[in-house]
Amino acid sequence: MPSSRVAVVGAGLSGAACAQALRERGVSVDILERGRGPGGRMASPTLHGRRVDMGAAYFTVKDPEFAAVVDDWTRRGLARPWTDTFDVLSPNGRDTTAGPVRFAAPDGLRSLVRELLPDDVRFEAQVGSLDHLTHDAVVLAMPDPQAARLAPDACDWVDYEPVIAVAAGWADRCWTVGDAAFVNDDDDLSFVADDGARRGDAAPVLVAHTTASRAQQHLDQPGDAVAPVIAALGRLLDVATAPSWTHAHRWTFAKPAGTHGDAEFGLLTDGRPLGLCGDAWCPTGSPRVESAWLSGRRLGAAVAAVLSD
């Protein structure tokens, strides 16, 4: 008897975790990704000869199940503990804040998603309608505004805020910041990471995330955000030297503005099962990388259980 077939639309972390959980339970999975590569918002493009994390800045670990996965990544050199201390920049000056250990990846965070995926992901696969999919169940593993285009009535969708990430490289380090900094009450920046410290290769590269309001001004032309971002780095980090290169990436749906309450995922079973997962499905704490993995993983188990009934 043939196994059930599930279409997982989206090859970010939640989609990869969902597909893995389904396959472990004997379910056949087709992973469809509209982009040219995996990772979603854990993007790490190659810029000027090295990977640069342009999406998620890091990840933390709370859940024991996710901790076991991260322990395995760390043993194999795929992930590394980065720092537990960030600077905090504000109009009142500079401070530091300590928190959980933030993890990074020597080859960029996208490499961790790629590690979970099989070799048969269908990239550049455009899904314009769920009616075109002939699978026994469908999973939408993507930001809510994108999922809402395919299933508008599936749930009460969460809004997302935009960010433009700007990477900049110099010949030498010329800034006064530690590993990274949260930026409070600034018109232009919300976060800055020393990507050389994050990746562990000491490259003189900064990645700055804009505020949502600054991103809104440049969604049509993200390159126009570079000048105000570099100016902000100058006044916040005392960077007096112009970078030798810059790169801007638009994240129209960068981070959830809310969550789905206590729900770990969405699963509609009236008709063909339809699953929904991602970082906005976060019953504990704020949306984060870990919540995307947990949402996908737990949805995969739930979909497999429905299909086996």
C-alpha atoms as a PDB file:
ATOM      1  CA  MET A   1       0.000   0.000   0.000  1.00  0.00           C
ATOM      2  CA  PRO A   2       1.572   3.348  -0.979  1.00  0.00           C
ATOM      3  CA  SER A   3       2.393   5.814   1.780  1.00  0.00           C
ATOM      4  CA  SER A   4       0.619   9.120   2.096  1.00  0.00           C
ATOM      5  CA  ARG A   5       2.146  12.099   0.279  1.00  0.00           C
ATOM      6  CA  VAL A   6       2.486  15.547   1.834  1.00  0.00           C
ATOM      7  CA  ALA A   7       3.499  18.759   0.100  1.00  0.00           C
ATOM      8  CA  VAL A   8       5.566  21.029   2.348  1.00  0.00           C
ATOM      9  CA  VAL A   9       5.606  24.483   0.791  1.00  0.00           C
ATOM     10  CA  GLY A  10       8.627  26.376   2.077  1.00  0.00           C
ATOM     11  CA  ALA A  11      12.204  25.161   2.691  1.00  0.00           C
ATOM     12  CA  GLY A  12      13.030  27.342   5.675  1.00  0.00           C
ATOM     13  CA  LEU A  13      13.713  25.909   9.116  1.00  0.00           C
ATOM     14  CA  SER A  14      10.090  25.141  10.006  1.00  0.00           C
ATOM     15  CA  GLY A  15       9.483  23.421   6.661  1.00  0.00           C
ATOM     16  CA  ALA A  16      12.690  21.400   6.966  1.00  0.00           C
ATOM     17  CA  ALA A  17      11.822  20.300  10.509  1.00  0.00           C
ATOM     18  CA  CYS A  18       8.283  19.375   9.467  1.00  0.00           C
ATOM     19  CA  ALA A  19       9.464  17.351   6.485  1.00  0.00           C
ATOM     20  CA  GLN A  20      12.010  15.526   8.623  1.00  0.00           C
ATOM     21  CA  ALA A  21       9.371  14.587  11.207  1.00  0.00           C
ATOM     22  CA  LEU A  22       7.029  13.327   8.480  1.00  0.00           C
ATOM     23  CA  ARG A  23       9.671  11.186   6.799  1.00  0.00           C
ATOM     24  CA  GLU A  24      10.717   9.673  10.124  1.00  0.00           C
ATOM     25  CA  ARG A  25       7.121   8.444  10.366  1.00  0.00           C
ATOM     26  CA  GLY A  26       7.084   6.883   6.919  1.00  0.00           C
ATOM     27  CA  VAL A  27       5.276   9.697   5.110  1.00  0.00           C
ATOM     28  CA  SER A  28       6.411  10.641   1.612  1.00  0.00           C
ATOM     29  CA  VAL A  29       7.211  14.368   1.352  1.00  0.00           C
ATOM     30  CA  ASP A  30       7.634  16.762  -1.560  1.00  0.00           C
ATOM     31  CA  ILE A  31       9.306  20.019  -0.490  1.00  0.00           C
ATOM     32  CA  LEU A  32       8.507  22.976  -2.721  1.00  0.00           C
ATOM     33  CA  GLU A  33      10.502  26.205  -2.396  1.00  0.00           C
ATOM     34  CA  ARG A  34       9.929  29.269  -4.528  1.00  0.00           C
ATOM     35  CA  GLY A  35      13.483  30.545  -4.010  1.00  0.00           C
ATOM     36  CA  ARG A  36      16.700  29.311  -5.549  1.00  0.00           C
ATOM     37  CA  GLY A  37      18.005  27.905  -2.277  1.00  0.00           C
ATOM     38  CA  PRO A  38      16.865  26.799   1.188  1.00  0.00           C
ATOM     39  CA  GLY A  39      16.903  28.646   4.461  1.00  0.00           C
ATOM     40  CA  GLY A  40      14.155  31.245   4.193  1.00  0.00           C
ATOM     41  CA  ARG A  41      14.965  34.015   6.662  1.00  0.00           C
ATOM     42  CA  MET A  42      18.085  32.116   7.781  1.00  0.00           C
ATOM     43  CA  ALA A  43      19.775  33.350   4.615  1.00  0.00           C
ATOM     44  CA  SER A  44      23.577  33.336   4.316  1.00  0.00           C
ATOM     45  CA  PRO A  45      24.560  34.469   0.809  1.00  0.00           C
ATOM     46  CA  THR A  46      28.171  34.515  -0.324  1.00  0.00           C
ATOM     47  CA  LEU A  47      29.387  38.112  -0.420  1.00  0.00           C
ATOM     48  CA  HIS A  48      32.955  38.966  -1.394  1.00  0.00           C
ATOM     49  CA  GLY A  49      34.189  35.432  -0.842  1.00  0.00           C
ATOM     50  CA  ARG A  50      32.500  34.502   2.438  1.00  0.00           C
ATOM     51  CA  ARG A  51      29.092  33.646   3.812  1.00  0.00           C
ATOM     52  CA  VAL A  52      27.268  36.506   5.520  1.00  0.00           C
ATOM     53  CA  ASP A  53      24.198  36.012   7.707  1.00  0.00           C
ATOM     54  CA  MET A  54      21.695  38.468   6.246  1.00  0.00           C
ATOM     55  CA  GLY A  55      18.553  37.129   7.908  1.00  0.00           C
ATOM     56  CA  ALA A  56      18.256  35.692  11.415  1.00  0.00           C
ATOM     57  CA  ALA A  57      21.151  36.982  13.503  1.00  0.00           C
ATOM     58  CA  TYR A  58      21.562  34.017  15.863  1.00  0.00           C
ATOM     59  CA  PHE A  59      19.561  31.426  17.747  1.00  0.00           C
ATOM     60  CA  THR A  60      19.063  30.485  21.390  1.00  0.00           C
ATOM     61  CA  VAL A  61      18.134  27.200  23.039  1.00  0.00           C
ATOM     62  CA  LYS A  62      15.488  26.476  25.705  1.00  0.00           C
ATOM     63  CA  ASP A  63      13.607  23.342  24.686  1.00  0.00           C
ATOM     64  CA  PRO A  64      15.331  20.005  25.476  1.00  0.00           C
ATOM     65  CA  GLU A  65      14.373  18.500  22.114  1.00  0.00           C
ATOM     66  CA  PHE A  66      15.929  21.393  20.220  1.00  0.00           C
ATOM     67  CA  ALA A  67      18.915  21.352  22.607  1.00  0.00           C
ATOM     68  CA  ALA A  68      19.689  17.772  21.540  1.00  0.00           C
ATOM     69  CA  VAL A  69      19.768  18.860  17.894  1.00  0.00           C
ATOM     70  CA  VAL A  70      21.994  21.839  18.683  1.00  0.00           C
ATOM     71  CA  ASP A  71      24.342  19.634  20.726  1.00  0.00           C
ATOM     72  CA  ASP A  72      24.737  17.414  17.661  1.00  0.00           C
ATOM     73  CA  TRP A  73      25.370  20.420  15.400  1.00  0.00           C
ATOM     74  CA  THR A  74      27.956  21.725  17.845  1.00  0.00           C
ATOM     75  CA  ARG A  75      29.765  18.383  18.124  1.00  0.00           C
ATOM     76  CA  ARG A  76      30.036  18.247  14.344  1.00  0.00           C
ATOM     77  CA  GLY A  77      31.230  21.850  14.045  1.00  0.00           C
ATOM     78  CA  LEU A  78      28.087  23.034  12.254  1.00  0.00           C
ATOM     79  CA  ALA A  79      27.117  25.453  15.036  1.00  0.00           C
ATOM     80  CA  ARG A  80      29.089  27.256  17.713  1.00  0.00           C
ATOM     81  CA  PRO A  81      28.304  29.109  20.945  1.00  0.00           C
ATOM     82  CA  TRP A  82      28.860  32.768  20.111  1.00  0.00           C
ATOM     83  CA  THR A  83      28.187  35.103  23.032  1.00  0.00           C
ATOM     84  CA  ASP A  84      25.885  35.767  25.970  1.00  0.00           C
ATOM     85  CA  THR A  85      26.571  39.509  26.134  1.00  0.00           C
ATOM     86  CA  PHE A  86      25.412  42.242  23.762  1.00  0.00           C
ATOM     87  CA  ASP A  87      25.937  45.967  23.874  1.00  0.00           C
ATOM     88  CA  VAL A  88      22.852  48.166  24.150  1.00  0.00           C
ATOM     89  CA  LEU A  89      22.975  51.483  22.305  1.00  0.00           C
ATOM     90  CA  SER A  90      20.485  54.262  22.956  1.00  0.00           C
ATOM     91  CA  PRO A  91      20.295  58.063  23.068  1.00  0.00           C
ATOM     92  CA  ASN A  92      21.246  57.763  26.760  1.00  0.00           C
ATOM     93  CA  GLY A  93      24.573  56.128  25.930  1.00  0.00           C
ATOM     94  CA  ARG A  94      25.928  52.599  25.909  1.00  0.00           C
ATOM     95  CA  ASP A  95      25.327  49.665  28.235  1.00  0.00           C
ATOM     96  CA  THR A  96      25.602  45.882  28.080  1.00  0.00           C
ATOM     97  CA  THR A  97      23.062  43.148  28.647  1.00  0.00           C
ATOM     98  CA  ALA A  98      23.651  39.500  29.486  1.00  0.00           C
ATOM     99  CA  GLY A  99      21.282  36.763  28.456  1.00  0.00           C
ATOM    100  CA  PRO A 100      21.210  33.225  27.105  1.00  0.00           C
ATOM    101  CA  VAL A 101      24.037  31.954  24.962  1.00  0.00           C
ATOM    102  CA  ARG A 102      23.512  32.941  21.342  1.00  0.00           C
ATOM    103  CA  PHE A 103      24.594  30.373  18.776  1.00  0.00           C
ATOM    104  CA  ALA A 104      25.925  30.993  15.294  1.00  0.00           C
ATOM    105  CA  ALA A 105      27.158  28.810  12.429  1.00  0.00           C
ATOM    106  CA  PRO A 106      30.660  28.913  10.895  1.00  0.00           C
ATOM    107  CA  ASP A 107      29.186  28.418   7.411  1.00  0.00           C
ATOM    108  CA  GLY A 108      26.165  30.651   8.016  1.00  0.00           C
ATOM    109  CA  LEU A 109      22.799  29.785   9.528  1.00  0.00           C
ATOM    110  CA  ARG A 110      21.467  28.597   6.179  1.00  0.00           C
ATOM    111  CA  SER A 111      23.848  25.618   6.449  1.00  0.00           C
ATOM    112  CA  LEU A 112      21.837  24.298   9.409  1.00  0.00           C
ATOM    113  CA  VAL A 113      18.633  24.273   7.377  1.00  0.00           C
ATOM    114  CA  ARG A 114      20.411  22.592   4.495  1.00  0.00           C
ATOM    115  CA  GLU A 115      21.618  19.921   6.933  1.00  0.00           C
ATOM    116  CA  LEU A 116      18.006  18.948   7.709  1.00  0.00           C
ATOM    117  CA  LEU A 117      16.796  18.820   4.117  1.00  0.00           C
ATOM    118  CA  PRO A 118      16.871  15.906   1.685  1.00  0.00           C
ATOM    119  CA  ASP A 119      18.468  16.278  -1.736  1.00  0.00           C
ATOM    120  CA  ASP A 120      15.212  16.318  -3.684  1.00  0.00           C
ATOM    121  CA  VAL A 121      13.854  19.769  -2.736  1.00  0.00           C
ATOM    122  CA  ARG A 122      12.171  21.424  -5.714  1.00  0.00           C
ATOM    123  CA  PHE A 123      13.533  24.958  -5.900  1.00  0.00           C
ATOM    124  CA  GLU A 124      12.015  27.814  -7.914  1.00  0.00           C
ATOM    125  CA  ALA A 125       8.677  26.035  -7.551  1.00  0.00           C
ATOM    126  CA  GLN A 126       5.847  28.553  -7.727  1.00  0.00           C
ATOM    127  CA  VAL A 127       2.648  27.470  -5.952  1.00  0.00           C
ATOM    128  CA  GLY A 128      -0.112  29.813  -7.046  1.00  0.00           C
ATOM    129  CA  SER A 129      -3.006  27.745  -5.723  1.00  0.00           C
ATOM    130  CA  LEU A 130      -3.387  24.798  -3.352  1.00  0.00           C
ATOM    131  CA  ASP A 131      -5.835  23.307  -5.854  1.00  0.00           C
ATOM    132  CA  HIS A 132      -2.886  22.498  -8.106  1.00  0.00           C
ATOM    133  CA  LEU A 133      -1.375  20.173  -5.499  1.00  0.00           C
ATOM    134  CA  THR A 134      -2.547  16.541  -5.612  1.00  0.00           C
ATOM    135  CA  HIS A 135      -1.061  15.473  -2.273  1.00  0.00           C
ATOM    136  CA  ASP A 136      -2.925  13.902   0.639  1.00  0.00           C
ATOM    137  CA  ALA A 137      -2.037  16.867   2.860  1.00  0.00           C
ATOM    138  CA  VAL A 138      -0.380  20.258   2.483  1.00  0.00           C
ATOM    139  CA  VAL A 139       1.835  22.193   4.891  1.00  0.00           C
ATOM    140  CA  LEU A 140       2.447  25.927   4.520  1.00  0.00           C
ATOM    141  CA  ALA A 141       5.785  26.694   6.188  1.00  0.00           C
ATOM    142  CA  MET A 142       6.216  30.399   5.569  1.00  0.00           C
ATOM    143  CA  PRO A 143       5.456  33.817   7.098  1.00  0.00           C
ATOM    144  CA  ASP A 144       1.760  34.386   7.726  1.00  0.00           C
ATOM    145  CA  PRO A 145       1.235  37.052   5.022  1.00  0.00           C
ATOM    146  CA  GLN A 146       2.564  34.635   2.389  1.00  0.00           C
ATOM    147  CA  ALA A 147       0.509  31.708   3.700  1.00  0.00           C
ATOM    148  CA  ALA A 148      -2.599  33.911   3.761  1.00  0.00           C
ATOM    149  CA  ARG A 149      -2.357  34.377  -0.005  1.00  0.00           C
ATOM    150  CA  LEU A 150      -2.812  30.627  -0.472  1.00  0.00           C
ATOM    151  CA  ALA A 151      -5.293  29.970   2.341  1.00  0.00           C
ATOM    152  CA  PRO A 152      -6.891  33.286   3.321  1.00  0.00           C
ATOM    153  CA  ASP A 153      -9.520  31.789   5.628  1.00  0.00           C
ATOM    154  CA  ALA A 154      -7.346  29.208   7.378  1.00  0.00           C
ATOM    155  CA  CYS A 155      -6.841  31.207  10.583  1.00  0.00           C
ATOM    156  CA  ASP A 156      -6.470  34.672  12.050  1.00  0.00           C
ATOM    157  CA  TRP A 157      -3.193  35.659  10.471  1.00  0.00           C
ATOM    158  CA  VAL A 158      -0.425  37.567  12.255  1.00  0.00           C
ATOM    159  CA  ASP A 159       1.085  40.703  10.753  1.00  0.00           C
ATOM    160  CA  TYR A 160       4.822  40.864  10.079  1.00  0.00           C
ATOM    161  CA  GLU A 161       7.220  43.803  10.196  1.00  0.00           C
ATOM    162  CA  PRO A 162       9.785  44.544   7.480  1.00  0.00           C
ATOM    163  CA  VAL A 163      13.554  44.886   7.882  1.00  0.00           C
ATOM    164  CA  ILE A 164      16.291  45.794   5.456  1.00  0.00           C
ATOM    165  CA  ALA A 165      19.584  44.118   6.348  1.00  0.00           C
ATOM    166  CA  VAL A 166      22.703  45.949   5.211  1.00  0.00           C
ATOM    167  CA  ALA A 167      26.083  44.218   5.180  1.00  0.00           C
ATOM    168  CA  ALA A 168      29.223  46.324   4.920  1.00  0.00           C
ATOM    169  CA  GLY A 169      32.867  45.313   4.698  1.00  0.00           C
ATOM    170  CA  TRP A 170      36.045  47.222   5.565  1.00  0.00           C
ATOM    171  CA  ALA A 171      39.747  46.528   5.187  1.00  0.00           C
ATOM    172  CA  ASP A 172      40.119  46.516   8.996  1.00  0.00           C
ATOM    173  CA  ARG A 173      37.870  46.739  12.043  1.00  0.00           C
ATOM    174  CA  CYS A 174      37.118  50.385  12.775  1.00  0.00           C
ATOM    175  CA  TRP A 175      34.164  50.295  15.173  1.00  0.00           C
ATOM    176  CA  THR A 176      33.580  50.470  18.906  1.00  0.00           C
ATOM    177  CA  VAL A 177      31.160  47.638  19.548  1.00  0.00           C
ATOM    178  CA  GLY A 178      31.489  44.145  20.937  1.00  0.00           C
ATOM    179  CA  ASP A 179      30.039  41.066  19.273  1.00  0.00           C
ATOM    180  CA  ALA A 180      26.704  42.764  18.595  1.00  0.00           C
ATOM    181  CA  ALA A 181      24.401  45.501  19.824  1.00  0.00           C
ATOM    182  CA  PHE A 182      20.714  46.038  20.324  1.00  0.00           C
ATOM    183  CA  VAL A 183      19.824  49.584  19.282  1.00  0.00           C
ATOM    184  CA  ASN A 184      16.983  51.284  21.145  1.00  0.00           C
ATOM    185  CA  ASP A 185      15.020  54.401  20.218  1.00  0.00           C
ATOM    186  CA  ASP A 186      16.870  55.037  16.967  1.00  0.00           C
ATOM    187  CA  ASP A 187      15.134  56.082  13.750  1.00  0.00           C
ATOM    188  CA  ASP A 188      17.314  53.914  11.518  1.00  0.00           C
ATOM    189  CA  LEU A 189      18.797  50.862  13.247  1.00  0.00           C
ATOM    190  CA  SER A 190      17.505  48.146  15.571  1.00  0.00           C
ATOM    191  CA  PHE A 191      20.438  45.707  15.661  1.00  0.00           C
ATOM    192  CA  VAL A 192      24.077  45.459  14.587  1.00  0.00           C
ATOM    193  CA  ALA A 193      26.228  42.313  14.483  1.00  0.00           C
ATOM    194  CA  ASP A 194      29.948  41.917  13.974  1.00  0.00           C
ATOM    195  CA  ASP A 195      29.704  39.143  11.406  1.00  0.00           C
ATOM    196  CA  GLY A 196      33.381  38.210  11.751  1.00  0.00           C
ATOM    197  CA  ALA A 197      32.898  37.633  15.478  1.00  0.00           C
ATOM    198  CA  ARG A 198      29.631  35.818  14.853  1.00  0.00           C
ATOM    199  CA  ARG A 199      31.081  33.494  12.240  1.00  0.00           C
ATOM    200  CA  GLY A 200      34.416  33.118  14.047  1.00  0.00           C
ATOM    201  CA  ASP A 201      36.707  34.176  11.179  1.00  0.00           C
ATOM    202  CA  ALA A 202      37.350  37.769  12.367  1.00  0.00           C
ATOM    203  CA  ALA A 203      36.339  39.251   8.990  1.00  0.00           C
ATOM    204  CA  PRO A 204      35.803  43.051   9.243  1.00  0.00           C
ATOM    205  CA  VAL A 205      32.119  42.884   8.293  1.00  0.00           C
ATOM    206  CA  LEU A 206      29.106  44.414  10.008  1.00  0.00           C
ATOM    207  CA  VAL A 207      25.466  43.488   9.380  1.00  0.00           C
ATOM    208  CA  ALA A 208      22.921  46.091  10.444  1.00  0.00           C
ATOM    209  CA  HIS A 209      19.148  45.612  10.647  1.00  0.00           C
ATOM    210  CA  THR A 210      16.972  48.644  10.084  1.00  0.00           C
ATOM    211  CA  THR A 211      13.938  49.620  12.066  1.00  0.00           C
ATOM    212  CA  ALA A 212      10.590  48.752  10.519  1.00  0.00           C
ATOM    213  CA  SER A 213       9.900  52.424   9.831  1.00  0.00           C
ATOM    214  CA  ARG A 214      13.185  52.885   7.970  1.00  0.00           C
ATOM    215  CA  ALA A 215      12.559  49.661   5.993  1.00  0.00           C
ATOM    216  CA  GLN A 216       9.082  50.840   4.982  1.00  0.00           C
ATOM    217  CA  GLN A 217      10.646  53.825   3.239  1.00  0.00           C
ATOM    218  CA  HIS A 218      12.851  51.650   1.021  1.00  0.00           C
ATOM    219  CA  LEU A 219      10.945  48.457   0.253  1.00  0.00           C
ATOM    220  CA  ASP A 220      10.816  49.292  -3.461  1.00  0.00           C
ATOM    221  CA  GLN A 221      14.515  50.224  -3.597  1.00  0.00           C
ATOM    222  CA  PRO A 222      16.319  48.527  -0.684  1.00  0.00           C
ATOM    223  CA  GLY A 223      19.671  49.825  -1.886  1.00  0.00           C
ATOM    224  CA  ASP A 224      18.520  53.317  -0.924  1.00  0.00           C
ATOM    225  CA  ALA A 225      18.684  52.232   2.730  1.00  0.00           C
ATOM    226  CA  VAL A 226      22.467  51.817   2.574  1.00  0.00           C
ATOM    227  CA  ALA A 227      23.354  55.506   2.972  1.00  0.00           C
ATOM    228  CA  PRO A 228      21.239  56.138   6.113  1.00  0.00           C
ATOM    229  CA  VAL A 229      22.431  52.852   7.617  1.00  0.00           C
ATOM    230  CA  ILE A 230      26.110  53.693   7.073  1.00  0.00           C
ATOM    231  CA  ALA A 231      25.477  57.173   8.514  1.00  0.00           C
ATOM    232  CA  ALA A 232      23.849  55.574  11.568  1.00  0.00           C
ATOM    233  CA  LEU A 233      26.822  53.235  12.038  1.00  0.00           C
ATOM    234  CA  GLY A 234      29.040  56.305  11.978  1.00  0.00           C
ATOM    235  CA  ARG A 235      27.210  58.088  14.775  1.00  0.00           C
ATOM    236  CA  LEU A 236      26.451  54.991  16.882  1.00  0.00           C
ATOM    237  CA  LEU A 237      29.733  53.063  16.538  1.00  0.00           C
ATOM    238  CA  ASP A 238      32.171  55.876  15.749  1.00  0.00           C
ATOM    239  CA  VAL A 239      32.832  54.439  12.286  1.00  0.00           C
ATOM    240  CA  ALA A 240      34.663  57.193  10.420  1.00  0.00           C
ATOM    241  CA  THR A 241      35.863  55.192   7.398  1.00  0.00           C
ATOM    242  CA  ALA A 242      33.639  54.427   4.423  1.00  0.00           C
ATOM    243  CA  PRO A 243      33.151  50.702   3.784  1.00  0.00           C
ATOM    244  CA  SER A 244      34.817  49.108   0.776  1.00  0.00           C
ATOM    245  CA  TRP A 245      31.585  47.310  -0.148  1.00  0.00           C
ATOM    246  CA  THR A 246      27.925  47.135   0.892  1.00  0.00           C
ATOM    247  CA  HIS A 247      24.976  44.867   0.194  1.00  0.00           C
ATOM    248  CA  ALA A 248      21.293  45.373   1.067  1.00  0.00           C
ATOM    249  CA  HIS A 249      18.612  42.685   1.394  1.00  0.00           C
ATOM    250  CA  ARG A 250      14.905  43.410   1.786  1.00  0.00           C
ATOM    251  CA  TRP A 251      12.883  41.300   4.206  1.00  0.00           C
ATOM    252  CA  THR A 252       9.291  42.371   3.599  1.00  0.00           C
ATOM    253  CA  PHE A 253       8.089  39.846   6.203  1.00  0.00           C
ATOM    254  CA  ALA A 254      11.025  39.811   8.607  1.00  0.00           C
ATOM    255  CA  LYS A 255       9.513  39.186  12.011  1.00  0.00           C
ATOM    256  CA  PRO A 256       6.059  38.563  13.471  1.00  0.00           C
ATOM    257  CA  ALA A 257       4.373  41.493  15.162  1.00  0.00           C
ATOM    258  CA  GLY A 258       2.454  38.985  17.308  1.00  0.00           C
ATOM    259  CA  THR A 259       1.900  35.261  17.823  1.00  0.00           C
ATOM    260  CA  HIS A 260      -0.879  32.681  17.577  1.00  0.00           C
ATOM    261  CA  GLY A 261      -1.265  32.532  21.335  1.00  0.00           C
ATOM    262  CA  ASP A 262      -0.908  29.073  22.858  1.00  0.00           C
ATOM    263  CA  ALA A 263      -0.989  27.221  19.530  1.00  0.00           C
ATOM    264  CA  GLU A 264       2.235  25.474  18.426  1.00  0.00           C
ATOM    265  CA  PHE A 265       0.966  25.099  14.864  1.00  0.00           C
ATOM    266  CA  GLY A 266      -2.221  25.193  12.845  1.00  0.00           C
ATOM    267  CA  LEU A 267      -3.885  22.064  11.495  1.00  0.00           C
ATOM    268  CA  LEU A 268      -7.204  22.041   9.654  1.00  0.00           C
ATOM    269  CA  THR A 269      -8.701  18.579   9.088  1.00  0.00           C
ATOM    270  CA  ASP A 270     -12.071  19.465   7.529  1.00  0.00           C
ATOM    271  CA  GLY A 271     -11.287  18.012   4.109  1.00  0.00           C
ATOM    272  CA  ARG A 272      -7.697  17.546   2.988  1.00  0.00           C
ATOM    273  CA  PRO A 273      -5.444  18.281   5.995  1.00  0.00           C
ATOM    274  CA  LEU A 274      -3.778  21.683   5.856  1.00  0.00           C
ATOM    275  CA  GLY A 275      -0.927  22.445   8.248  1.00  0.00           C
ATOM    276  CA  LEU A 276       0.526  25.826   9.167  1.00  0.00           C
ATOM    277  CA  CYS A 277       3.850  26.344  10.924  1.00  0.00           C
ATOM    278  CA  GLY A 278       6.548  28.927  11.509  1.00  0.00           C
ATOM    279  CA  ASP A 279       8.008  31.240  14.124  1.00  0.00           C
ATOM    280  CA  ALA A 280       4.700  33.025  14.785  1.00  0.00           C
ATOM    281  CA  TRP A 281       3.364  29.743  16.196  1.00  0.00           C
ATOM    282  CA  CYS A 282       5.152  30.282  19.480  1.00  0.00           C
ATOM    283  CA  PRO A 283       3.263  29.490  22.714  1.00  0.00           C
ATOM    284  CA  THR A 284       6.228  30.317  24.987  1.00  0.00           C
ATOM    285  CA  GLY A 285       8.244  33.511  24.758  1.00  0.00           C
ATOM    286  CA  SER A 286       8.740  35.612  21.660  1.00  0.00           C
ATOM    287  CA  PRO A 287       9.113  34.301  18.095  1.00  0.00           C
ATOM    288  CA  ARG A 288      12.600  32.961  17.466  1.00  0.00           C
ATOM    289  CA  VAL A 289      14.544  30.403  15.435  1.00  0.00           C
ATOM    290  CA  GLU A 290      13.846  27.689  17.991  1.00  0.00           C
ATOM    291  CA  SER A 291      10.090  28.283  17.817  1.00  0.00           C
ATOM    292  CA  ALA A 292      10.171  27.816  14.034  1.00  0.00           C
ATOM    293  CA  TRP A 293      11.909  24.446  14.439  1.00  0.00           C
ATOM    294  CA  LEU A 294       9.538  23.320  17.201  1.00  0.00           C
ATOM    295  CA  SER A 295       6.463  24.402  15.255  1.00  0.00           C
ATOM    296  CA  GLY A 296       7.505  22.480  12.154  1.00  0.00           C
ATOM    297  CA  ARG A 297       8.607  19.421  14.080  1.00  0.00           C
ATOM    298  CA  ARG A 298       5.407  19.136  16.091  1.00  0.00           C
ATOM    299  CA  LEU A 299       3.196  19.818  13.102  1.00  0.00           C
ATOM    300  CA  GLY A 300       4.918  17.021  11.189  1.00  0.00           C
ATOM    301  CA  ALA A 301       4.097  14.547  13.954  1.00  0.00           C
ATOM    302  CA  ALA A 302       0.481  15.749  14.073  1.00  0.00           C
ATOM    303  CA  VAL A 303      -0.010  15.511  10.305  1.00  0.00           C
ATOM    304  CA  ALA A 304       1.454  12.005  10.264  1.00  0.00           C
ATOM    305  CA  ALA A 305      -0.954  10.973  13.032  1.00  0.00           C
ATOM    306  CA  VAL A 306      -3.966  12.335  11.107  1.00  0.00           C
ATOM    307  CA  LEU A 307      -2.925  10.541   7.933  1.00  0.00           C
ATOM    308  CA  SER A 308      -2.478   7.238   9.772  1.00  0.00           C
ATOM    309  CA  ASP A 309      -6.023   7.263  11.208  1.00  0.00           C
END
